């Protein structure tokens, strides 16, 4: 997985994953991309944006 591309790929493929599941998946993938260890504190914040139809 390319260092600059992995987050874009994750966000494109998440579908309707609940926010907590998405945050946990992003954190796990970030740890994997970092070589298995996390060198500093990490925070993941998720939000779903939607379009309202009037």
N, C-alpha and C. Protein backbone atom coordinates (compact mmCIF):
# COMPACT_ATOMS: atom_id res chain seq x y z
N UNK A 1 0.85 -1.18 0.00
CA UNK A 1 0.00 0.00 0.00
C UNK A 1 0.89 1.24 0.00
N UNK A 2 0.69 2.15 -0.96
CA UNK A 2 1.49 3.35 -1.03
C UNK A 2 1.18 4.29 0.13
N UNK A 3 2.22 4.87 0.66
CA UNK A 3 2.09 5.73 1.84
C UNK A 3 1.07 6.86 1.64
N UNK A 4 1.07 7.50 0.49
CA UNK A 4 0.19 8.63 0.24
C UNK A 4 -1.21 8.22 -0.21
N UNK A 5 -1.40 7.00 -0.62
CA UNK A 5 -2.65 6.58 -1.24
C UNK A 5 -3.58 5.82 -0.30
N UNK A 6 -3.07 5.25 0.78
CA UNK A 6 -3.88 4.33 1.58
C UNK A 6 -5.13 4.98 2.17
N UNK A 7 -5.02 6.20 2.66
CA UNK A 7 -6.19 6.84 3.29
C UNK A 7 -7.26 7.12 2.24
N UNK A 8 -6.87 7.58 1.09
CA UNK A 8 -7.83 7.83 0.01
C UNK A 8 -8.56 6.54 -0.36
N UNK A 9 -7.83 5.44 -0.45
CA UNK A 9 -8.44 4.14 -0.77
C UNK A 9 -9.41 3.71 0.31
N UNK A 10 -9.05 3.88 1.56
CA UNK A 10 -9.93 3.51 2.68
C UNK A 10 -11.23 4.30 2.61
N UNK A 11 -11.12 5.60 2.46
CA UNK A 11 -12.32 6.45 2.46
C UNK A 11 -13.22 6.17 1.26
N UNK A 12 -12.65 5.78 0.16
CA UNK A 12 -13.44 5.45 -1.03
C UNK A 12 -14.20 4.13 -0.84
N UNK A 13 -13.64 3.21 -0.06
CA UNK A 13 -14.19 1.87 0.06
C UNK A 13 -15.02 1.60 1.31
N UNK A 14 -15.23 2.59 2.18
CA UNK A 14 -15.89 2.32 3.46
C UNK A 14 -17.38 2.06 3.36
N UNK A 15 -18.03 2.56 2.34
CA UNK A 15 -19.47 2.34 2.23
C UNK A 15 -20.20 2.99 3.38
N UNK A 16 -21.07 2.25 4.01
CA UNK A 16 -21.88 2.78 5.11
C UNK A 16 -21.42 2.24 6.46
N UNK A 17 -20.15 2.07 6.64
CA UNK A 17 -19.59 1.58 7.89
C UNK A 17 -19.93 2.54 9.03
N UNK A 18 -20.36 2.03 10.17
CA UNK A 18 -20.61 2.91 11.32
C UNK A 18 -19.34 3.67 11.71
N UNK A 19 -19.50 4.88 12.26
CA UNK A 19 -18.37 5.76 12.57
C UNK A 19 -17.34 5.08 13.47
N UNK A 20 -17.76 4.36 14.49
CA UNK A 20 -16.81 3.70 15.39
C UNK A 20 -15.99 2.63 14.66
N UNK A 21 -16.66 1.85 13.84
CA UNK A 21 -15.95 0.82 13.05
C UNK A 21 -14.96 1.45 12.09
N UNK A 22 -15.36 2.55 11.46
CA UNK A 22 -14.47 3.25 10.55
C UNK A 22 -13.24 3.77 11.28
N UNK A 23 -13.44 4.39 12.43
CA UNK A 23 -12.32 4.91 13.22
C UNK A 23 -11.35 3.80 13.61
N UNK A 24 -11.88 2.67 14.03
CA UNK A 24 -11.03 1.54 14.41
C UNK A 24 -10.27 0.98 13.21
N UNK A 25 -10.92 0.92 12.06
CA UNK A 25 -10.26 0.43 10.85
C UNK A 25 -9.14 1.37 10.41
N UNK A 26 -9.40 2.68 10.46
CA UNK A 26 -8.38 3.66 10.09
C UNK A 26 -7.19 3.56 11.03
N UNK A 27 -7.45 3.43 12.33
CA UNK A 27 -6.36 3.32 13.31
C UNK A 27 -5.53 2.06 13.07
N UNK A 28 -6.18 0.94 12.81
CA UNK A 28 -5.46 -0.31 12.55
C UNK A 28 -4.63 -0.21 11.27
N UNK A 29 -5.19 0.38 10.22
CA UNK A 29 -4.45 0.52 8.98
C UNK A 29 -3.29 1.51 9.13
N UNK A 30 -3.48 2.57 9.89
CA UNK A 30 -2.40 3.53 10.13
C UNK A 30 -1.24 2.84 10.84
N UNK A 31 -1.58 1.99 11.80
CA UNK A 31 -0.53 1.25 12.51
C UNK A 31 0.21 0.32 11.54
N UNK A 32 -0.53 -0.34 10.67
CA UNK A 32 0.09 -1.24 9.68
C UNK A 32 1.00 -0.47 8.73
N UNK A 33 0.52 0.68 8.22
CA UNK A 33 1.30 1.50 7.30
C UNK A 33 2.56 2.03 7.99
N UNK A 34 2.48 2.27 9.31
CA UNK A 34 3.63 2.78 10.07
C UNK A 34 4.61 1.68 10.43
N UNK A 35 4.39 0.47 9.95
CA UNK A 35 5.32 -0.62 10.21
C UNK A 35 5.01 -1.39 11.47
N UNK A 36 3.80 -1.25 11.99
CA UNK A 36 3.39 -2.04 13.15
C UNK A 36 3.48 -1.32 14.47
N UNK A 37 4.17 -0.20 14.50
CA UNK A 37 4.25 0.55 15.76
C UNK A 37 3.76 1.97 15.53
N UNK A 38 3.26 2.57 16.58
CA UNK A 38 2.78 3.94 16.51
C UNK A 38 3.77 4.81 17.29
N UNK A 39 4.50 5.67 16.59
CA UNK A 39 5.56 6.45 17.24
C UNK A 39 5.06 7.59 18.12
N UNK A 40 3.79 7.94 18.04
CA UNK A 40 3.25 9.07 18.80
C UNK A 40 1.77 8.81 19.05
N UNK A 41 1.12 9.71 19.78
CA UNK A 41 -0.32 9.58 20.01
C UNK A 41 -1.06 9.71 18.69
N UNK A 42 -2.18 9.01 18.58
CA UNK A 42 -2.99 9.11 17.38
C UNK A 42 -4.45 9.30 17.79
N UNK A 43 -5.13 10.17 17.06
CA UNK A 43 -6.55 10.40 17.27
C UNK A 43 -7.24 10.28 15.92
N UNK A 44 -8.36 9.58 15.89
CA UNK A 44 -9.15 9.46 14.67
C UNK A 44 -10.53 10.02 14.97
N UNK A 45 -10.96 10.96 14.16
CA UNK A 45 -12.30 11.54 14.28
C UNK A 45 -13.04 11.24 12.99
N UNK A 46 -14.23 10.70 13.10
CA UNK A 46 -15.01 10.39 11.90
C UNK A 46 -16.31 11.17 11.90
N UNK A 47 -16.77 11.49 10.72
CA UNK A 47 -18.06 12.16 10.54
C UNK A 47 -18.59 11.76 9.17
N UNK A 48 -19.87 11.63 9.06
CA UNK A 48 -20.47 11.30 7.78
C UNK A 48 -21.18 12.56 7.28
N UNK A 49 -20.84 12.96 6.07
CA UNK A 49 -21.47 14.11 5.45
C UNK A 49 -22.48 13.61 4.44
N UNK A 50 -23.61 14.24 4.44
CA UNK A 50 -24.64 13.84 3.50
C UNK A 50 -25.31 15.04 2.89
N UNK A 51 -26.00 14.79 1.83
CA UNK A 51 -26.73 15.84 1.13
C UNK A 51 -28.19 15.72 1.49
N UNK A 52 -28.80 16.83 1.88
CA UNK A 52 -30.22 16.80 2.15
C UNK A 52 -30.99 17.19 0.89
N UNK A 53 -32.09 16.52 0.69
CA UNK A 53 -32.92 16.79 -0.48
C UNK A 53 -34.12 17.60 -0.03
N UNK A 54 -34.29 18.73 -0.63
CA UNK A 54 -35.44 19.62 -0.28
C UNK A 54 -36.59 19.41 -1.21
